PDB file of N, CA and C in Angstrom:
ATOM      1  N   MET A   1     151.939  33.898 112.737  1.00  0.00           N
ATOM      2  CA  MET A   1     153.280  34.125 113.021  1.00  0.00           C
ATOM      3  C   MET A   1     153.453  34.754 114.185  1.00  0.00           C
ATOM      4  N   LYS A   2     154.111  34.588 115.556  1.00  0.00           N
ATOM      5  CA  LYS A   2     154.037  35.194 116.669  1.00  0.00           C
ATOM      6  C   LYS A   2     155.032  36.092 116.667  1.00  0.00           C
ATOM      7  N   GLY A   3     156.335  36.128 116.269  1.00  0.00           N
ATOM      8  CA  GLY A   3     157.346  37.039 116.077  1.00  0.00           C
ATOM      9  C   GLY A   3     158.013  36.675 114.812  1.00  0.00           C
ATOM     10  N   ALA A   4     159.211  37.755 114.543  1.00  0.00           N
ATOM     11  CA  ALA A   4     159.698  37.789 113.479  1.00  0.00           C
ATOM     12  C   ALA A   4     161.343  37.550 113.752  1.00  0.00           C
ATOM     13  N   GLY A   5     161.458  37.002 114.981  1.00  0.00           N
ATOM     14  CA  GLY A   5     163.083  36.904 115.364  1.00  0.00           C
ATOM     15  C   GLY A   5     163.518  38.308 115.612  1.00  0.00           C
ATOM     16  N   PHE A   6     163.748  39.056 114.932  1.00  0.00           N
ATOM     17  CA  PHE A   6     164.183  40.340 115.257  1.00  0.00           C
ATOM     18  C   PHE A   6     163.376  41.327 115.794  1.00  0.00           C
ATOM     19  N   LEU A   7     162.147  40.995 115.608  1.00  0.00           N
ATOM     20  CA  LEU A   7     161.025  41.879 116.201  1.00  0.00           C
ATOM     21  C   LEU A   7     160.060  41.089 116.417  1.00  0.00           C
ATOM     22  N   ASP A   8     160.089  40.973 118.026  1.00  0.00           N
ATOM     23  CA  ASP A   8     159.137  40.216 118.884  1.00  0.00           C
ATOM     24  C   ASP A   8     158.138  40.942 119.192  1.00  0.00           C
ATOM     25  N   ILE A   9     156.632  40.465 118.925  1.00  0.00           N
ATOM     26  CA  ILE A   9     155.737  41.380 119.092  1.00  0.00           C
ATOM     27  C   ILE A   9     155.379  41.905 120.535  1.00  0.00           C
ATOM     28  N   SER A  10     156.072  40.922 121.664  1.00  0.00           N
ATOM     29  CA  SER A  10     155.989  41.195 122.862  1.00  0.00           C
ATOM     30  C   SER A  10     156.613  42.718 123.089  1.00  0.00           C
ATOM     31  N   ILE A  11     157.839  42.628 122.186  1.00  0.00           N
ATOM     32  CA  ILE A  11     158.638  43.903 122.606  1.00  0.00           C
ATOM     33  C   ILE A  11     157.968  45.407 121.887  1.00  0.00           C
ATOM     34  N   LEU A  12     157.220  45.044 120.905  1.00  0.00           N
ATOM     35  CA  LEU A  12     156.512  46.015 120.370  1.00  0.00           C
ATOM     36  C   LEU A  12     155.354  46.596 121.180  1.00  0.00           C
ATOM     37  N   ARG A  13     154.525  45.468 121.632  1.00  0.00           N
ATOM     38  CA  ARG A  13     153.793  45.804 122.645  1.00  0.00           C
ATOM     39  C   ARG A  13     153.956  46.617 123.845  1.00  0.00           C
ATOM     40  N   LYS A  14     155.231  46.116 124.402  1.00  0.00           N
ATOM     41  CA  LYS A  14     155.815  46.713 125.612  1.00  0.00           C
ATOM     42  C   LYS A  14     156.100  48.361 125.268  1.00  0.00           C
ATOM     43  N   ALA A  15     156.590  48.589 124.304  1.00  0.00           N
ATOM     44  CA  ALA A  15     157.095  49.817 123.686  1.00  0.00           C
ATOM     45  C   ALA A  15     155.687  50.850 123.444  1.00  0.00           C
ATOM     46  N   VAL A  16     154.622  50.151 123.249  1.00  0.00           N
ATOM     47  CA  VAL A  16     153.232  50.870 123.073  1.00  0.00           C
ATOM     48  C   VAL A  16     152.879  51.143 124.301  1.00  0.00           C
ATOM     49  N   LEU A  17     152.900  50.269 125.328  1.00  0.00           N
ATOM     50  CA  LEU A  17     152.292  50.409 126.619  1.00  0.00           C
ATOM     51  C   LEU A  17     153.127  51.280 127.312  1.00  0.00           C
ATOM     52  N   GLU A  18     154.217  51.596 127.055  1.00  0.00           N
ATOM     53  CA  GLU A  18     155.156  52.467 127.802  1.00  0.00           C
ATOM     54  C   GLU A  18     155.120  54.105 127.025  1.00  0.00           C
ATOM     55  N   GLU A  19     154.434  53.954 125.806  1.00  0.00           N
ATOM     56  CA  GLU A  19     154.395  55.243 125.011  1.00  0.00           C
ATOM     57  C   GLU A  19     155.629  55.646 124.258  1.00  0.00           C
ATOM     58  N   ARG A  20     156.436  54.741 124.236  1.00  0.00           N
ATOM     59  CA  ARG A  20     157.630  54.872 123.454  1.00  0.00           C
ATOM     60  C   ARG A  20     157.662  54.632 122.056  1.00  0.00           C
ATOM     61  N   TYR A  21     156.807  55.248 121.312  1.00  0.00           N
ATOM     62  CA  TYR A  21     156.712  55.048 119.912  1.00  0.00           C
ATOM     63  C   TYR A  21     156.347  56.641 119.283  1.00  0.00           C
ATOM     64  N   GLU A  22     156.557  56.560 117.848  1.00  0.00           N
ATOM     65  CA  GLU A  22     156.143  57.925 117.443  1.00  0.00           C
ATOM     66  C   GLU A  22     155.461  57.457 116.046  1.00  0.00           C
ATOM     67  N   VAL A  23     154.540  58.328 115.638  1.00  0.00           N
ATOM     68  CA  VAL A  23     154.008  58.088 114.291  1.00  0.00           C
ATOM     69  C   VAL A  23     154.600  59.128 113.131  1.00  0.00           C
ATOM     70  N   SER A  24     154.861  58.491 112.206  1.00  0.00           N
ATOM     71  CA  SER A  24     155.515  59.082 110.976  1.00  0.00           C
ATOM     72  C   SER A  24     154.449  60.135 110.446  1.00  0.00           C
ATOM     73  N   GLN A  25     154.845  61.145 109.591  1.00  0.00           N
ATOM     74  CA  GLN A  25     153.905  62.069 108.950  1.00  0.00           C
ATOM     75  C   GLN A  25     153.047  61.104 108.117  1.00  0.00           C
ATOM     76  N   HIS A  26     153.782  60.437 107.338  1.00  0.00           N
ATOM     77  CA  HIS A  26     152.842  59.524 106.463  1.00  0.00           C
ATOM     78  C   HIS A  26     151.682  58.639 107.135  1.00  0.00           C
ATOM     79  N   ALA A  27     152.214  58.178 108.215  1.00  0.00           N
ATOM     80  CA  ALA A  27     151.015  57.210 108.990  1.00  0.00           C
ATOM     81  C   ALA A  27     150.147  57.988 109.426  1.00  0.00           C
ATOM     82  N   GLU A  28     150.477  59.203 110.004  1.00  0.00           N
ATOM     83  CA  GLU A  28     149.295  60.273 110.470  1.00  0.00           C
ATOM     84  C   GLU A  28     148.366  60.699 109.488  1.00  0.00           C
ATOM     85  N   GLN A  29     148.986  60.950 108.148  1.00  0.00           N
ATOM     86  CA  GLN A  29     148.048  61.189 107.075  1.00  0.00           C
ATOM     87  C   GLN A  29     147.309  59.984 106.731  1.00  0.00           C
ATOM     88  N   GLU A  30     148.027  58.741 106.703  1.00  0.00           N
ATOM     89  CA  GLU A  30     147.080  57.405 106.203  1.00  0.00           C
ATOM     90  C   GLU A  30     146.119  57.244 107.346  1.00  0.00           C
ATOM     91  N   ARG A  31     146.372  57.276 108.610  1.00  0.00           N
ATOM     92  CA  ARG A  31     145.376  57.302 109.774  1.00  0.00           C
ATOM     93  C   ARG A  31     144.200  58.046 109.573  1.00  0.00           C
ATOM     94  N   ARG A  32     144.487  59.482 109.262  1.00  0.00           N
ATOM     95  CA  ARG A  32     143.379  60.230 109.054  1.00  0.00           C
ATOM     96  C   ARG A  32     142.446  59.836 107.926  1.00  0.00           C
ATOM     97  N   ASN A  33     143.124  59.724 106.902  1.00  0.00           N
ATOM     98  CA  ASN A  33     142.386  59.252 105.700  1.00  0.00           C
ATOM     99  C   ASN A  33     141.245  57.874 105.746  1.00  0.00           C
ATOM    100  N   ASP A  34     141.720  57.104 106.827  1.00  0.00           N
ATOM    101  CA  ASP A  34     141.075  56.036 106.853  1.00  0.00           C
ATOM    102  C   ASP A  34     140.174  56.154 108.295  1.00  0.00           C
ATOM    103  N   ASN A  35     140.263  57.196 108.772  1.00  0.00           N
ATOM    104  CA  ASN A  35     139.491  57.669 110.113  1.00  0.00           C
ATOM    105  C   ASN A  35     139.734  56.798 111.064  1.00  0.00           C
ATOM    106  N   LEU A  36     140.993  56.362 111.340  1.00  0.00           N
ATOM    107  CA  LEU A  36     141.296  55.622 112.601  1.00  0.00           C
ATOM    108  C   LEU A  36     142.057  56.706 113.450  1.00  0.00           C
ATOM    109  N   LEU A  37     141.691  56.050 114.911  1.00  0.00           N
ATOM    110  CA  LEU A  37     142.179  56.971 116.259  1.00  0.00           C
ATOM    111  C   LEU A  37     143.452  56.276 116.374  1.00  0.00           C
ATOM    112  N   ILE A  38     144.266  56.999 117.187  1.00  0.00           N
ATOM    113  CA  ILE A  38     145.628  56.392 117.631  1.00  0.00           C
ATOM    114  C   ILE A  38     145.092  55.211 118.620  1.00  0.00           C
ATOM    115  N   GLU A  39     144.196  55.082 119.328  1.00  0.00           N
ATOM    116  CA  GLU A  39     143.808  53.880 120.032  1.00  0.00           C
ATOM    117  C   GLU A  39     143.599  52.754 119.214  1.00  0.00           C
ATOM    118  N   ASP A  40     142.964  53.109 117.918  1.00  0.00           N
ATOM    119  CA  ASP A  40     142.892  52.161 117.069  1.00  0.00           C
ATOM    120  C   ASP A  40     144.376  51.351 116.639  1.00  0.00           C
ATOM    121  N   ILE A  41     145.084  52.170 116.641  1.00  0.00           N
ATOM    122  CA  ILE A  41     146.646  51.751 116.085  1.00  0.00           C
ATOM    123  C   ILE A  41     147.067  50.883 117.310  1.00  0.00           C
ATOM    124  N   GLU A  42     146.871  51.569 118.534  1.00  0.00           N
ATOM    125  CA  GLU A  42     147.575  50.706 119.656  1.00  0.00           C
ATOM    126  C   GLU A  42     146.888  49.630 119.803  1.00  0.00           C
ATOM    127  N   LYS A  43     145.546  49.436 119.860  1.00  0.00           N
ATOM    128  CA  LYS A  43     144.806  48.241 120.166  1.00  0.00           C
ATOM    129  C   LYS A  43     145.369  47.064 118.940  1.00  0.00           C
ATOM    130  N   ALA A  44     145.565  47.720 117.742  1.00  0.00           N
ATOM    131  CA  ALA A  44     145.929  46.789 116.815  1.00  0.00           C
ATOM    132  C   ALA A  44     147.203  45.973 116.972  1.00  0.00           C
ATOM    133  N   ILE A  45     147.960  46.935 117.541  1.00  0.00           N
ATOM    134  CA  ILE A  45     149.647  46.389 118.028  1.00  0.00           C
ATOM    135  C   ILE A  45     149.329  45.466 119.285  1.00  0.00           C
ATOM    136  N   LEU A  46     148.481  45.909 120.209  1.00  0.00           N
ATOM    137  CA  LEU A  46     148.688  45.118 121.377  1.00  0.00           C
ATOM    138  C   LEU A  46     147.899  43.990 121.275  1.00  0.00           C
ATOM    139  N   THR A  47     146.930  43.405 120.056  1.00  0.00           N
ATOM    140  CA  THR A  47     146.010  42.386 120.224  1.00  0.00           C
ATOM    141  C   THR A  47     146.508  41.659 118.997  1.00  0.00           C
ATOM    142  N   GLY A  48     147.115  42.235 118.103  1.00  0.00           N
ATOM    143  CA  GLY A  48     147.545  41.755 116.670  1.00  0.00           C
ATOM    144  C   GLY A  48     148.753  40.730 116.563  1.00  0.00           C
ATOM    145  N   GLU A  49     149.029  40.564 115.270  1.00  0.00           N
ATOM    146  CA  GLU A  49     150.069  39.701 115.209  1.00  0.00           C
ATOM    147  C   GLU A  49     150.778  40.070 114.089  1.00  0.00           C
ATOM    148  N   ILE A  50     152.126  39.794 113.850  1.00  0.00           N
ATOM    149  CA  ILE A  50     153.074  40.210 113.104  1.00  0.00           C
ATOM    150  C   ILE A  50     152.729  39.004 111.845  1.00  0.00           C
ATOM    151  N   ILE A  51     152.603  39.551 110.690  1.00  0.00           N
ATOM    152  CA  ILE A  51     152.114  39.063 109.568  1.00  0.00           C
ATOM    153  C   ILE A  51     153.316  38.707 108.516  1.00  0.00           C
ATOM    154  N   GLU A  52     154.048  40.065 108.234  1.00  0.00           N
ATOM    155  CA  GLU A  52     154.927  39.900 107.510  1.00  0.00           C
ATOM    156  C   GLU A  52     156.402  40.581 107.987  1.00  0.00           C
ATOM    157  N   PRO A  53     157.357  39.951 108.141  1.00  0.00           N
ATOM    158  CA  PRO A  53     158.473  40.464 108.552  1.00  0.00           C
ATOM    159  C   PRO A  53     159.356  41.382 107.506  1.00  0.00           C
ATOM    160  N   TYR A  54     159.950  42.335 107.951  1.00  0.00           N
ATOM    161  CA  TYR A  54     160.694  43.062 106.685  1.00  0.00           C
ATOM    162  C   TYR A  54     162.227  43.319 107.448  1.00  0.00           C
ATOM    163  N   PRO A  55     162.970  42.230 107.204  1.00  0.00           N
ATOM    164  CA  PRO A  55     164.254  42.614 107.940  1.00  0.00           C
ATOM    165  C   PRO A  55     165.301  43.300 107.191  1.00  0.00           C
ATOM    166  N   ASP A  56     165.020  43.344 105.689  1.00  0.00           N
ATOM    167  CA  ASP A  56     165.834  44.121 104.809  1.00  0.00           C
ATOM    168  C   ASP A  56     165.340  45.497 104.650  1.00  0.00           C
ATOM    169  N   ASP A  57     164.418  46.309 105.190  1.00  0.00           N
ATOM    170  CA  ASP A  57     163.780  47.320 104.911  1.00  0.00           C
ATOM    171  C   ASP A  57     164.643  48.620 105.046  1.00  0.00           C
ATOM    172  N   PRO A  58     164.951  49.401 104.088  1.00  0.00           N
ATOM    173  CA  PRO A  58     165.888  50.406 104.140  1.00  0.00           C
ATOM    174  C   PRO A  58     165.781  51.316 104.995  1.00  0.00           C
ATOM    175  N   ARG A  59     164.712  51.545 105.895  1.00  0.00           N
ATOM    176  CA  ARG A  59     164.311  52.250 106.997  1.00  0.00           C
ATOM    177  C   ARG A  59     164.765  51.809 108.003  1.00  0.00           C
ATOM    178  N   GLY A  60     165.089  50.581 107.979  1.00  0.00           N
ATOM    179  CA  GLY A  60     165.418  49.638 109.523  1.00  0.00           C
ATOM    180  C   GLY A  60     164.415  48.574 109.699  1.00  0.00           C
ATOM    181  N   GLN A  61     164.923  47.379 110.366  1.00  0.00           N
ATOM    182  CA  GLN A  61     163.914  46.317 110.323  1.00  0.00           C
ATOM    183  C   GLN A  61     162.532  46.779 110.797  1.00  0.00           C
ATOM    184  N   SER A  62     161.532  46.279 110.110  1.00  0.00           N
ATOM    185  CA  SER A  62     160.286  46.490 110.479  1.00  0.00           C
ATOM    186  C   SER A  62     159.488  45.194 109.954  1.00  0.00           C
ATOM    187  N   CYS A  63     158.112  45.495 110.380  1.00  0.00           N
ATOM    188  CA  CYS A  63     157.154  44.419 109.999  1.00  0.00           C
ATOM    189  C   CYS A  63     155.709  44.804 109.972  1.00  0.00           C
ATOM    190  N   LEU A  64     154.984  43.935 109.389  1.00  0.00           N
ATOM    191  CA  LEU A  64     153.672  44.354 109.189  1.00  0.00           C
ATOM    192  C   LEU A  64     152.681  43.594 110.278  1.00  0.00           C
ATOM    193  N   ILE A  65     151.896  44.036 110.932  1.00  0.00           N
ATOM    194  CA  ILE A  65     151.057  43.613 111.854  1.00  0.00           C
ATOM    195  C   ILE A  65     149.502  43.656 111.609  1.00  0.00           C
ATOM    196  N   TYR A  66     149.010  42.851 111.553  1.00  0.00           N
ATOM    197  CA  TYR A  66     147.573  42.653 111.451  1.00  0.00           C
ATOM    198  C   TYR A  66     146.797  42.825 112.621  1.00  0.00           C
ATOM    199  N   GLY A  67     145.938  43.718 113.068  1.00  0.00           N
ATOM    200  CA  GLY A  67     145.052  43.831 114.242  1.00  0.00           C
ATOM    201  C   GLY A  67     143.525  44.163 113.761  1.00  0.00           C
ATOM    202  N   ASN A  68     142.756  44.677 114.884  1.00  0.00           N
ATOM    203  CA  ASN A  68     141.667  45.260 114.802  1.00  0.00           C
ATOM    204  C   ASN A  68     141.630  46.272 115.330  1.00  0.00           C
ATOM    205  N   ALA A  69     140.698  47.306 115.000  1.00  0.00           N
ATOM    206  CA  ALA A  69     140.564  48.526 115.542  1.00  0.00           C
ATOM    207  C   ALA A  69     139.640  48.489 116.628  1.00  0.00           C
ATOM    208  N   ILE A  70     139.142  49.450 117.432  1.00  0.00           N
ATOM    209  CA  ILE A  70     138.198  49.273 118.547  1.00  0.00           C
ATOM    210  C   ILE A  70     136.944  48.742 117.968  1.00  0.00           C
ATOM    211  N   SER A  71     136.498  49.650 116.661  1.00  0.00           N
ATOM    212  CA  SER A  71     135.422  49.155 116.178  1.00  0.00           C
ATOM    213  C   SER A  71     135.173  47.660 115.562  1.00  0.00           C
ATOM    214  N   GLY A  72     136.371  46.929 115.481  1.00  0.00           N
ATOM    215  CA  GLY A  72     136.471  45.693 115.130  1.00  0.00           C
ATOM    216  C   GLY A  72     136.919  45.672 113.326  1.00  0.00           C
ATOM    217  N   ARG A  73     137.291  47.033 112.982  1.00  0.00           N
ATOM    218  CA  ARG A  73     137.698  46.727 111.765  1.00  0.00           C
ATOM    219  C   ARG A  73     139.142  46.516 111.536  1.00  0.00           C
ATOM    220  N   PRO A  74     139.385  45.477 110.396  1.00  0.00           N
ATOM    221  CA  PRO A  74     140.827  45.313 110.487  1.00  0.00           C
ATOM    222  C   PRO A  74     141.926  46.517 110.298  1.00  0.00           C
ATOM    223  N   VAL A  75     143.028  46.329 110.674  1.00  0.00           N
ATOM    224  CA  VAL A  75     144.026  47.526 110.504  1.00  0.00           C
ATOM    225  C   VAL A  75     145.105  46.719 110.379  1.00  0.00           C
ATOM    226  N   HIS A  76     145.886  47.369 109.375  1.00  0.00           N
ATOM    227  CA  HIS A  76     147.435  46.690 109.242  1.00  0.00           C
ATOM    228  C   HIS A  76     148.419  48.000 109.537  1.00  0.00           C
ATOM    229  N   VAL A  77     149.369  47.698 110.481  1.00  0.00           N
ATOM    230  CA  VAL A  77     150.530  48.455 110.827  1.00  0.00           C
ATOM    231  C   VAL A  77     151.745  48.187 110.551  1.00  0.00           C
ATOM    232  N   VAL A  78     152.612  49.081 109.795  1.00  0.00           N
ATOM    233  CA  VAL A  78     154.000  48.518 109.563  1.00  0.00           C
ATOM    234  C   VAL A  78     154.680  49.518 110.859  1.00  0.00           C
ATOM    235  N   ILE A  79     155.544  48.879 111.563  1.00  0.00           N
ATOM    236  CA  ILE A  79     156.156  49.372 112.662  1.00  0.00           C
ATOM    237  C   ILE A  79     157.611  48.868 112.682  1.00  0.00           C
ATOM    238  N   GLY A  80     158.793  49.630 113.117  1.00  0.00           N
ATOM    239  CA  GLY A  80     160.114  49.405 113.143  1.00  0.00           C
ATOM    240  C   GLY A  80     160.671  50.108 114.364  1.00  0.00           C
ATOM    241  N   PHE A  81     161.872  49.588 114.682  1.00  0.00           N
ATOM    242  CA  PHE A  81     162.637  50.117 115.672  1.00  0.00           C
ATOM    243  C   PHE A  81     163.507  51.222 115.264  1.00  0.00           C
ATOM    244  N   LEU A  82     163.489  52.145 116.152  1.00  0.00           N
ATOM    245  CA  LEU A  82     164.410  53.385 116.044  1.00  0.00           C
ATOM    246  C   LEU A  82     166.050  52.999 116.749  1.00  0.00           C
ATOM    247  N   PRO A  83     166.876  53.661 116.597  1.00  0.00           N
ATOM    248  CA  PRO A  83     168.131  53.434 116.986  1.00  0.00           C
ATOM    249  C   PRO A  83     168.099  53.859 118.687  1.00  0.00           C
ATOM    250  N   THR A  84     166.884  54.565 119.150  1.00  0.00           N
ATOM    251  CA  THR A  84     166.712  55.082 120.455  1.00  0.00           C
ATOM    252  C   THR A  84     166.111  54.200 121.408  1.00  0.00           C
ATOM    253  N   GLY A  85     165.730  53.035 120.654  1.00  0.00           N
ATOM    254  CA  GLY A  85     164.993  51.863 121.422  1.00  0.00           C
ATOM    255  C   GLY A  85     163.435  52.211 121.173  1.00  0.00           C
ATOM    256  N   TRP A  86     162.962  53.367 120.634  1.00  0.00           N
ATOM    257  CA  TRP A  86     161.694  53.718 120.375  1.00  0.00           C
ATOM    258  C   TRP A  86     161.095  53.012 119.231  1.00  0.00           C
ATOM    259  N   CYS A  87     159.812  52.843 118.998  1.00  0.00           N
ATOM    260  CA  CYS A  87     159.403  52.236 117.729  1.00  0.00           C
ATOM    261  C   CYS A  87     158.916  53.629 116.871  1.00  0.00           C
ATOM    262  N   ARG A  88     158.762  53.188 115.712  1.00  0.00           N
ATOM    263  CA  ARG A  88     158.294  54.406 114.623  1.00  0.00           C
ATOM    264  C   ARG A  88     157.296  53.471 113.854  1.00  0.00           C
ATOM    265  N   ILE A  89     155.714  54.154 113.982  1.00  0.00           N
ATOM    266  CA  ILE A  89     154.819  53.601 113.050  1.00  0.00           C
ATOM    267  C   ILE A  89     154.979  54.151 111.955  1.00  0.00           C
ATOM    268  N   ILE A  90     155.226  53.339 110.654  1.00  0.00           N
ATOM    269  CA  ILE A  90     155.628  54.045 109.264  1.00  0.00           C
ATOM    270  C   ILE A  90     154.265  54.350 108.684  1.00  0.00           C
ATOM    271  N   THR A  91     153.567  53.319 108.864  1.00  0.00           N
ATOM    272  CA  THR A  91     152.326  53.565 107.980  1.00  0.00           C
ATOM    273  C   THR A  91     151.048  52.822 108.700  1.00  0.00           C
ATOM    274  N   VAL A  92     149.891  53.126 108.542  1.00  0.00           N
ATOM    275  CA  VAL A  92     149.030  52.291 108.998  1.00  0.00           C
ATOM    276  C   VAL A  92     147.989  52.474 108.105  1.00  0.00           C
ATOM    277  N   TYR A  93     146.997  51.418 107.639  1.00  0.00           N
ATOM    278  CA  TYR A  93     145.850  51.363 106.838  1.00  0.00           C
ATOM    279  C   TYR A  93     144.780  50.450 107.215  1.00  0.00           C
ATOM    280  N   VAL A  94     143.685  50.439 106.684  1.00  0.00           N
ATOM    281  CA  VAL A  94     142.722  49.622 106.520  1.00  0.00           C
ATOM    282  C   VAL A  94     142.834  48.762 105.409  1.00  0.00           C
ATOM    283  N   PRO A  95     143.037  47.566 105.441  1.00  0.00           N
ATOM    284  CA  PRO A  95     143.424  46.683 104.167  1.00  0.00           C
ATOM    285  C   PRO A  95     142.197  46.790 103.462  1.00  0.00           C
ATOM    286  N   SER A  96     142.489  46.663 101.901  1.00  0.00           N
ATOM    287  CA  SER A  96     141.419  46.367 101.063  1.00  0.00           C
ATOM    288  C   SER A  96     141.197  44.931 100.389  1.00  0.00           C
ATOM    289  N   SER A  97     139.865  44.472 100.357  1.00  0.00           N
ATOM    290  CA  SER A  97     139.755  43.284  99.781  1.00  0.00           C
ATOM    291  C   SER A  97     140.410  43.182  98.441  1.00  0.00           C
ATOM    292  N   ASP A  98     140.660  44.155  97.692  1.00  0.00           N
ATOM    293  CA  ASP A  98     141.243  44.029  96.225  1.00  0.00           C
ATOM    294  C   ASP A  98     142.505  43.244  96.640  1.00  0.00           C
ATOM    295  N   TYR A  99     143.255  43.540  97.547  1.00  0.00           N
ATOM    296  CA  TYR A  99     144.822  42.984  97.605  1.00  0.00           C
ATOM    297  C   TYR A  99     144.857  42.138  98.923  1.00  0.00           C
ATOM    298  N   TRP A 100     143.948  41.749  99.783  1.00  0.00           N
ATOM    299  CA  TRP A 100     143.843  40.925 100.756  1.00  0.00           C
ATOM    300  C   TRP A 100     143.061  39.827 100.791  1.00  0.00           C
ATOM    301  N   GLU A 101     143.113  38.624 101.237  1.00  0.00           N
ATOM    302  CA  GLU A 101     142.102  37.657 101.330  1.00  0.00           C
ATOM    303  C   GLU A 101     141.272  37.848 102.519  1.00  0.00           C
ATOM    304  N   ASP A 102     140.367  37.206 102.615  1.00  0.00           N
ATOM    305  CA  ASP A 102     139.458  37.435 103.837  1.00  0.00           C
ATOM    306  C   ASP A 102     139.987  37.375 105.233  1.00  0.00           C
ATOM    307  N   ASP A 103     141.175  36.700 105.441  1.00  0.00           N
ATOM    308  CA  ASP A 103     141.586  36.717 106.740  1.00  0.00           C
ATOM    309  C   ASP A 103     142.423  37.912 107.016  1.00  0.00           C
ATOM    310  N   TRP A 104     142.643  38.885 105.953  1.00  0.00           N
ATOM    311  CA  TRP A 104     143.507  40.043 106.037  1.00  0.00           C
ATOM    312  C   TRP A 104     144.904  39.839 106.341  1.00  0.00           C
ATOM    313  N   LYS A 105     145.138  38.580 106.135  1.00  0.00           N
ATOM    314  CA  LYS A 105     146.837  38.198 106.459  1.00  0.00           C
ATOM    315  C   LYS A 105     147.319  37.776 105.544  1.00  0.00           C
ATOM    316  N   THR A 106     146.728  37.394 104.359  1.00  0.00           N
ATOM    317  CA  THR A 106     147.207  36.792 103.148  1.00  0.00           C
ATOM    318  C   THR A 106     146.942  37.604 101.929  1.00  0.00           C
ATOM    319  N   ARG A 107     148.272  37.992 101.260  1.00  0.00           N
ATOM    320  CA  ARG A 107     148.177  38.800 100.164  1.00  0.00           C
ATOM    321  C   ARG A 107     147.400  38.043  98.958  1.00  0.00           C
ATOM    322  N   LYS A 108     146.791  38.702  98.049  1.00  0.00           N
ATOM    323  CA  LYS A 108     146.150  37.853  96.847  1.00  0.00           C
ATOM    324  C   LYS A 108     146.991  38.072  95.877  1.00  0.00           C
ATOM    325  N   ARG A 109     147.230  36.855  94.981  1.00  0.00           N
ATOM    326  CA  ARG A 109     147.937  36.612  94.208  1.00  0.00           C
ATOM    327  C   ARG A 109     147.422  37.281  92.878  1.00  0.00           C
ATOM    328  N   ARG A 110     148.515  38.160  92.051  1.00  0.00           N
ATOM    329  CA  ARG A 110     147.861  38.734  91.075  1.00  0.00           C
ATOM    330  C   ARG A 110     147.898  37.855  89.770  1.00  0.00           C
ATOM    331  N   ALA A 111     146.980  38.040  88.847  1.00  0.00           N
ATOM    332  CA  ALA A 111     146.821  37.459  87.519  1.00  0.00           C
ATOM    333  C   ALA A 111     148.270  37.055  86.911  1.00  0.00           C
ATOM    334  N   ASN A 112     149.219  37.938  86.740  1.00  0.00           N
ATOM    335  CA  ASN A 112     150.452  37.914  86.183  1.00  0.00           C
ATOM    336  C   ASN A 112     151.500  37.336  87.086  1.00  0.00           C
ATOM    337  N   GLN A 113     151.105  36.938  88.162  1.00  0.00           N
ATOM    338  CA  GLN A 113     152.387  36.051  89.021  1.00  0.00           C
ATOM    339  C   GLN A 113     152.129  34.594  88.769  1.00  0.00           C
TER     340      GLN A 113
END
């Protein structure tokens, strides 16, 4: 998926390149827990793709991006726009094979689904 209509990956990339983004406290904690650098998050956004749009997110429209860290590890970033035109990184994590298929883009179906 190249874009999600309301959030085009090129607009998100431009915001990152112009350093018009902030990292939420939650995302900062998750980043540290998964030993990710800010540069890893930036690389994931700059080279990744939107895999899930969240147009009805109560925090504002956002999306899930799949990309790779500098080391090549998979990274998921949930990011959205603020009314100021800046972006907010809502959360970031290294996806688990317990929940994601090998492509890191497809959620695994649970047995009760």
